[in-house]
Amino acid sequence: MLDSTGLRVMKAIADHGSFTAAANALGSSQPAISQMVRRLEQRTGTVLVERTGRSVRLTEAGEALARHAAPVMAALDEAEEEVAAIVGLRAGRVRLMAFPSSSATLVPRALAAVRKAHPDVTVSFTEAEPPQSIAALRAGECDIAVAFSYAGSTAAAEEDLEGLVVSQVIEDEVRVALPTNHPAARQPTVDLADLADEEWIAGCPRCRGHLLQLANGAGFVPSVMFETEDFVAVQGFVAAGLGVALIPDLIRASQPNENVAIRPLAQSSRRTISVVTTPDLERVPAVEATLKALCASARQIEAGPGA
């Protein structure tokens, strides 16, 4: 029934005492102000202004509208300023979810870039593996998910990404981590079949599934003795001679262990890292800026040290 324009008109009439003065104050015309008042009276079903010659006087109902206009207009102005700040990246919030190995490499560089360029934008971060992060994005619990999938993985194929905006940022090679005194550590390339009798350290469910898939292709079922999603711990287990493990390049470069030898596999093993959001969130300035920072971080990682 009521709108901000009508309230502004009533307050201007109350402040200035005539349609002409109210029109001048609002940068409008006297006929336009008169028409707005008539329209407002039709909407409210009562007389709002008593016309007395060249001047006007507000009725009780008109005074009520004028009295409430100030706080309403102040709230609207505040809302407009807040939205303008968000649009102009002088404010804003982004909720980011990413899997652990990206939180040690890809994510910190991106968040540092966002903070430097837009210090008033707040980015919160939570660790989560896919598909949990994708489910959180769909549920409105985060704005961006950093996820990964393995080539040919059934888990990745079954993940529902329909309707989401998916940007692939890194093709990450997966290698094998061995104790430095392991015989295969001296080989330039390791055939997975040669590790059929080894004990294995496995990571997240998707990573374990990838290990099982690769091992099955090499003709064996791996003996998984230890499970941890912490790649520092994985390398600690390997260094202690407790088993072997698959390790992605994203971790290999950032968290080396001098007692662990990391070698390429004869079998192709790669994973794709993507940033995922929704079509609407992609257009939110703070989300857009964070997505660009993640993509830039990925390019720097692929370019190597010193980039």
Protein backbone atom coordinates (compact mmCIF):
# COMPACT_ATOMS: atom_id res chain seq x y z
CA MET A 1 0.00 0.00 0.00
CA LEU A 2 2.68 2.49 1.05
CA ASP A 3 6.00 3.13 -0.63
CA SER A 4 9.12 5.13 0.14
CA THR A 5 8.30 7.81 -2.44
CA GLY A 6 4.95 8.55 -0.81
CA LEU A 7 6.55 8.77 2.62
CA ARG A 8 9.22 11.16 1.34
CA VAL A 9 6.51 13.39 -0.15
CA MET A 10 4.55 13.50 3.12
CA LYS A 11 7.65 14.40 5.11
CA ALA A 12 8.60 17.13 2.61
CA ILE A 13 5.10 18.64 2.87
CA ALA A 14 5.30 18.54 6.66
CA ASP A 15 8.74 20.18 6.63
CA HIS A 16 8.03 22.89 4.02
CA GLY A 17 4.29 23.63 4.36
CA SER A 18 3.23 23.61 0.70
CA PHE A 19 3.22 21.46 -2.42
CA THR A 20 5.44 23.93 -4.27
CA ALA A 21 8.09 24.05 -1.53
CA ALA A 22 7.97 20.28 -1.14
CA ALA A 23 8.40 19.90 -4.92
CA ASN A 24 11.45 22.20 -4.87
CA ALA A 25 12.98 20.25 -1.98
CA LEU A 26 12.49 16.93 -3.77
CA GLY A 27 13.52 18.20 -7.22
CA SER A 28 10.05 17.56 -8.59
CA SER A 29 7.12 19.65 -9.84
CA GLN A 30 4.08 20.91 -7.97
CA PRO A 31 1.61 18.94 -10.18
CA ALA A 32 3.63 15.76 -9.64
CA ILE A 33 3.56 16.22 -5.86
CA SER A 34 -0.18 16.89 -5.95
CA GLN A 35 -0.71 13.74 -8.01
CA MET A 36 1.39 11.65 -5.60
CA VAL A 37 -0.67 12.89 -2.66
CA ARG A 38 -3.95 12.01 -4.42
CA ARG A 39 -2.60 8.54 -5.23
CA LEU A 40 -1.51 8.06 -1.63
CA GLU A 41 -4.93 9.16 -0.36
CA GLN A 42 -6.55 6.60 -2.66
CA ARG A 43 -4.27 3.88 -1.33
CA THR A 44 -4.84 4.75 2.32
CA GLY A 45 -8.55 5.45 1.91
CA THR A 46 -8.45 8.74 3.80
CA VAL A 47 -7.62 12.44 3.43
CA LEU A 48 -3.98 13.19 4.20
CA VAL A 49 -3.69 16.90 3.35
CA GLU A 50 -6.08 19.77 4.06
CA ARG A 51 -5.69 22.47 1.44
CA THR A 52 -6.04 26.00 2.81
CA GLY A 53 -5.47 28.51 0.01
CA ARG A 54 -1.82 28.56 -1.01
CA SER A 55 -0.72 26.50 1.98
CA VAL A 56 -1.58 22.99 3.11
CA ARG A 57 -1.95 21.35 6.47
CA LEU A 58 -1.57 17.65 7.22
CA THR A 59 -4.51 15.79 8.69
CA GLU A 60 -4.02 13.44 11.61
CA ALA A 61 -3.41 10.56 9.19
CA GLY A 62 -0.99 12.69 7.17
CA GLU A 63 0.91 13.62 10.32
CA ALA A 64 1.19 9.93 11.21
CA LEU A 65 2.74 9.15 7.84
CA ALA A 66 5.13 12.09 8.05
CA ARG A 67 6.16 11.09 11.59
CA HIS A 68 6.96 7.52 10.54
CA ALA A 69 8.67 8.65 7.34
CA ALA A 70 11.93 9.72 9.02
CA PRO A 71 12.93 6.35 10.58
CA VAL A 72 11.70 4.45 7.52
CA MET A 73 13.71 6.67 5.17
CA ALA A 74 16.75 6.40 7.43
CA ALA A 75 16.48 2.60 7.37
CA LEU A 76 16.13 2.62 3.58
CA ASP A 77 19.13 4.93 3.20
CA GLU A 78 21.14 2.66 5.47
CA ALA A 79 20.08 -0.40 3.47
CA GLU A 80 21.02 1.31 0.20
CA GLU A 81 24.43 2.25 1.59
CA GLU A 82 25.03 -1.28 2.84
CA VAL A 83 24.13 -2.75 -0.55
CA ALA A 84 26.31 -0.15 -2.29
CA ALA A 85 29.20 -1.12 -0.01
CA ILE A 86 28.73 -4.79 -0.90
CA VAL A 87 28.53 -4.01 -4.61
CA GLY A 88 31.62 -1.81 -4.35
CA LEU A 89 33.56 -4.45 -2.36
CA ARG A 90 33.72 -2.12 0.65
CA ALA A 91 31.90 -4.89 2.51
CA GLY A 92 30.79 -8.45 1.87
CA ARG A 93 30.99 -11.99 3.14
CA VAL A 94 32.12 -15.17 1.42
CA ARG A 95 31.87 -18.65 2.94
CA LEU A 96 34.45 -20.97 1.42
CA MET A 97 34.73 -24.74 1.79
CA ALA A 98 37.77 -26.62 0.51
CA PHE A 99 39.39 -30.01 0.90
CA PRO A 100 42.47 -30.28 3.16
CA SER A 101 45.27 -30.51 0.60
CA SER A 102 44.02 -27.34 -1.12
CA SER A 103 43.84 -25.55 2.23
CA ALA A 104 47.61 -25.89 2.51
CA THR A 105 48.35 -24.50 -0.95
CA LEU A 106 45.67 -23.12 -3.26
CA VAL A 107 43.44 -21.45 -0.66
CA PRO A 108 45.89 -19.40 1.51
CA ARG A 109 47.38 -17.57 -1.46
CA ALA A 110 43.93 -16.74 -2.81
CA LEU A 111 42.60 -15.49 0.53
CA ALA A 112 45.68 -13.34 1.04
CA ALA A 113 45.08 -11.76 -2.38
CA VAL A 114 41.42 -11.04 -1.53
CA ARG A 115 42.38 -9.47 1.79
CA LYS A 116 45.01 -7.29 0.15
CA ALA A 117 42.75 -6.09 -2.66
CA HIS A 118 39.53 -5.86 -0.64
CA PRO A 119 40.33 -5.56 3.08
CA ASP A 120 36.69 -4.99 4.04
CA VAL A 121 35.52 -8.29 2.53
CA THR A 122 35.32 -11.15 5.03
CA VAL A 123 36.07 -14.68 3.82
CA SER A 124 35.41 -17.52 6.24
CA PHE A 125 36.89 -20.96 5.61
CA THR A 126 35.86 -24.50 6.53
CA GLU A 127 37.53 -27.75 5.52
CA ALA A 128 35.30 -30.31 3.82
CA GLU A 129 35.86 -33.06 1.29
CA PRO A 130 33.62 -33.49 -1.71
CA PRO A 131 30.82 -34.48 -1.94
CA GLN A 132 30.10 -32.90 1.48
CA SER A 133 31.21 -29.47 0.25
CA ILE A 134 28.95 -29.70 -2.82
CA ALA A 135 26.02 -30.69 -0.62
CA ALA A 136 26.78 -27.69 1.64
CA LEU A 137 26.80 -25.38 -1.40
CA ARG A 138 23.39 -26.65 -2.51
CA ALA A 139 22.06 -26.27 1.04
CA GLY A 140 23.17 -22.63 1.20
CA GLU A 141 25.80 -23.34 3.85
CA CYS A 142 28.69 -22.03 1.75
CA ASP A 143 29.18 -19.79 -1.29
CA ILE A 144 32.15 -21.50 -2.95
CA ALA A 145 33.34 -25.10 -2.80
CA VAL A 146 36.83 -26.17 -3.85
CA ALA A 147 36.42 -29.78 -4.92
CA PHE A 148 38.30 -32.47 -6.79
CA SER A 149 37.58 -35.56 -8.83
CA TYR A 150 39.67 -38.36 -10.28
CA ALA A 151 39.53 -39.21 -13.96
CA GLY A 152 37.15 -42.11 -14.47
CA SER A 153 36.12 -42.15 -10.82
CA THR A 154 32.61 -43.50 -10.31
CA ALA A 155 32.22 -41.26 -7.26
CA ALA A 156 32.93 -38.18 -9.38
CA ALA A 157 30.59 -39.39 -12.12
CA GLU A 158 27.78 -39.82 -9.62
CA GLU A 159 28.24 -36.40 -8.03
CA ASP A 160 25.40 -34.06 -8.95
CA LEU A 161 26.86 -30.85 -10.37
CA GLU A 162 23.86 -30.03 -12.58
CA GLY A 163 22.92 -26.38 -12.40
CA LEU A 164 26.17 -25.36 -10.70
CA VAL A 165 28.99 -23.26 -12.13
CA VAL A 166 32.11 -25.44 -12.26
CA SER A 167 35.51 -23.99 -13.20
CA GLN A 168 38.40 -26.44 -13.50
CA VAL A 169 41.56 -24.75 -12.22
CA ILE A 170 44.28 -27.43 -11.87
CA GLU A 171 45.10 -30.83 -13.33
CA ASP A 172 46.96 -32.41 -10.40
CA GLU A 173 49.20 -35.45 -10.97
CA VAL A 174 49.06 -38.15 -8.28
CA ARG A 175 52.31 -40.00 -7.51
CA VAL A 176 53.44 -42.71 -5.13
CA ALA A 177 55.21 -41.95 -1.86
CA LEU A 178 57.82 -44.48 -0.70
CA PRO A 179 60.38 -44.72 2.11
CA THR A 180 63.72 -43.53 0.74
CA ASN A 181 65.23 -46.99 1.35
CA HIS A 182 62.50 -48.78 -0.61
CA PRO A 183 63.87 -50.58 -3.71
CA ALA A 184 61.32 -48.85 -5.97
CA ALA A 185 62.50 -45.45 -4.73
CA ARG A 186 65.51 -45.78 -7.07
CA GLN A 187 63.28 -46.22 -10.12
CA PRO A 188 62.33 -43.19 -12.25
CA THR A 189 58.80 -44.58 -12.67
CA VAL A 190 56.98 -47.08 -10.47
CA ASP A 191 54.55 -49.71 -11.73
CA LEU A 192 51.72 -50.07 -9.24
CA ALA A 193 51.76 -53.85 -9.70
CA ASP A 194 55.22 -53.91 -8.12
CA LEU A 195 53.64 -52.62 -4.90
CA ALA A 196 50.95 -55.29 -4.67
CA ASP A 197 52.43 -56.79 -1.50
CA GLU A 198 52.91 -53.47 0.28
CA GLU A 199 50.83 -52.09 3.10
CA TRP A 200 49.09 -48.83 2.21
CA ILE A 201 48.20 -45.57 3.91
CA ALA A 202 44.95 -44.17 2.49
CA GLY A 203 43.20 -40.82 2.79
CA CYS A 204 39.63 -39.59 2.37
CA PRO A 205 36.88 -41.92 1.05
CA ARG A 206 37.25 -40.56 -2.49
CA CYS A 207 41.04 -41.04 -2.32
CA ARG A 208 40.64 -44.59 -1.03
CA GLY A 209 38.22 -45.29 -3.85
CA HIS A 210 40.77 -44.03 -6.36
CA LEU A 211 43.49 -46.25 -4.82
CA LEU A 212 41.20 -49.28 -5.05
CA GLN A 213 40.36 -48.44 -8.66
CA LEU A 214 44.03 -48.09 -9.67
CA ALA A 215 45.06 -51.23 -7.80
CA ASN A 216 42.24 -53.20 -9.37
CA GLY A 217 43.50 -52.14 -12.78
CA ALA A 218 46.97 -53.36 -11.79
CA GLY A 219 45.55 -56.73 -10.71
CA PHE A 220 45.54 -56.59 -6.91
CA VAL A 221 43.58 -55.44 -3.87
CA PRO A 222 45.64 -53.08 -1.69
CA SER A 223 46.11 -53.85 1.98
CA VAL A 224 45.07 -50.56 3.63
CA MET A 225 46.46 -50.59 7.15
CA PHE A 226 46.26 -46.90 8.06
CA GLU A 227 43.79 -44.17 7.15
CA THR A 228 44.30 -40.42 7.59
CA GLU A 229 43.32 -37.34 5.62
CA ASP A 230 46.36 -35.44 6.94
CA PHE A 231 49.08 -35.61 4.28
CA VAL A 232 51.76 -34.59 6.77
CA ALA A 233 50.77 -37.68 8.76
CA VAL A 234 50.67 -39.76 5.57
CA GLN A 235 54.28 -38.85 4.82
CA GLY A 236 55.21 -39.48 8.45
CA PHE A 237 53.84 -43.02 8.20
CA VAL A 238 55.68 -43.57 4.91
CA ALA A 239 58.93 -42.17 6.29
CA ALA A 240 58.67 -44.55 9.25
CA GLY A 241 58.47 -47.50 6.85
CA LEU A 242 54.85 -48.33 7.77
CA GLY A 243 53.62 -48.41 4.19
CA VAL A 244 53.34 -46.59 0.87
CA ALA A 245 50.76 -44.07 -0.29
CA LEU A 246 49.46 -42.03 -3.18
CA ILE A 247 50.18 -38.32 -2.89
CA PRO A 248 49.09 -35.43 -5.14
CA ASP A 249 51.49 -32.85 -6.55
CA LEU A 250 49.59 -30.11 -4.71
CA ILE A 251 51.00 -31.53 -1.47
CA ARG A 252 54.34 -32.80 -2.77
CA ALA A 253 55.64 -29.31 -3.48
CA SER A 254 54.34 -27.61 -0.34
CA GLN A 255 54.99 -30.23 2.36
CA PRO A 256 58.13 -32.21 1.44
CA ASN A 257 59.60 -34.86 3.72
CA GLU A 258 63.29 -35.65 3.22
CA ASN A 259 62.70 -39.27 4.28
CA VAL A 260 60.06 -39.84 1.61
CA ALA A 261 60.75 -40.51 -2.06
CA ILE A 262 57.94 -39.50 -4.41
CA ARG A 263 57.92 -41.11 -7.84
CA PRO A 264 55.64 -40.96 -10.90
CA LEU A 265 53.39 -43.93 -11.54
CA ALA A 266 53.47 -45.94 -14.72
CA GLN A 267 49.67 -45.86 -14.59
CA SER A 268 48.18 -42.45 -15.34
CA SER A 269 46.79 -40.97 -12.14
CA ARG A 270 45.45 -37.43 -12.15
CA ARG A 271 42.78 -35.48 -10.39
CA THR A 272 40.97 -32.34 -11.47
CA ILE A 273 40.57 -29.51 -8.98
CA SER A 274 37.59 -27.22 -9.50
CA VAL A 275 35.96 -24.23 -7.86
CA VAL A 276 32.19 -24.54 -7.73
CA THR A 277 29.42 -22.04 -7.01
CA THR A 278 25.86 -21.30 -8.14
CA PRO A 279 24.90 -19.06 -11.10
CA ASP A 280 23.40 -16.43 -8.78
CA LEU A 281 26.28 -16.40 -6.30
CA GLU A 282 28.77 -16.10 -9.15
CA ARG A 283 27.39 -12.58 -9.77
CA VAL A 284 27.88 -11.45 -6.15
CA PRO A 285 30.92 -9.11 -6.20
CA ALA A 286 32.72 -10.61 -3.19
CA VAL A 287 32.16 -14.16 -4.46
CA GLU A 288 33.31 -13.16 -7.94
CA ALA A 289 36.48 -11.60 -6.51
CA THR A 290 37.23 -14.74 -4.48
CA LEU A 291 36.67 -17.01 -7.48
CA LYS A 292 39.11 -14.91 -9.52
CA ALA A 293 41.66 -15.07 -6.69
CA LEU A 294 41.38 -18.87 -6.53
CA CYS A 295 41.89 -19.15 -10.29
CA ALA A 296 44.90 -16.83 -10.11
CA SER A 297 46.35 -18.87 -7.24
CA ALA A 298 45.93 -22.03 -9.32
CA ARG A 299 47.79 -20.45 -12.27
CA GLN A 300 50.65 -19.47 -9.96
CA ILE A 301 50.87 -23.01 -8.57
CA GLU A 302 50.97 -24.50 -12.06
CA ALA A 303 53.64 -21.99 -13.09
CA GLY A 304 55.83 -23.30 -10.25
CA PRO A 305 58.00 -21.69 -7.54
CA GLY A 306 58.83 -18.04 -8.02
CA ALA A 307 55.73 -17.36 -10.12
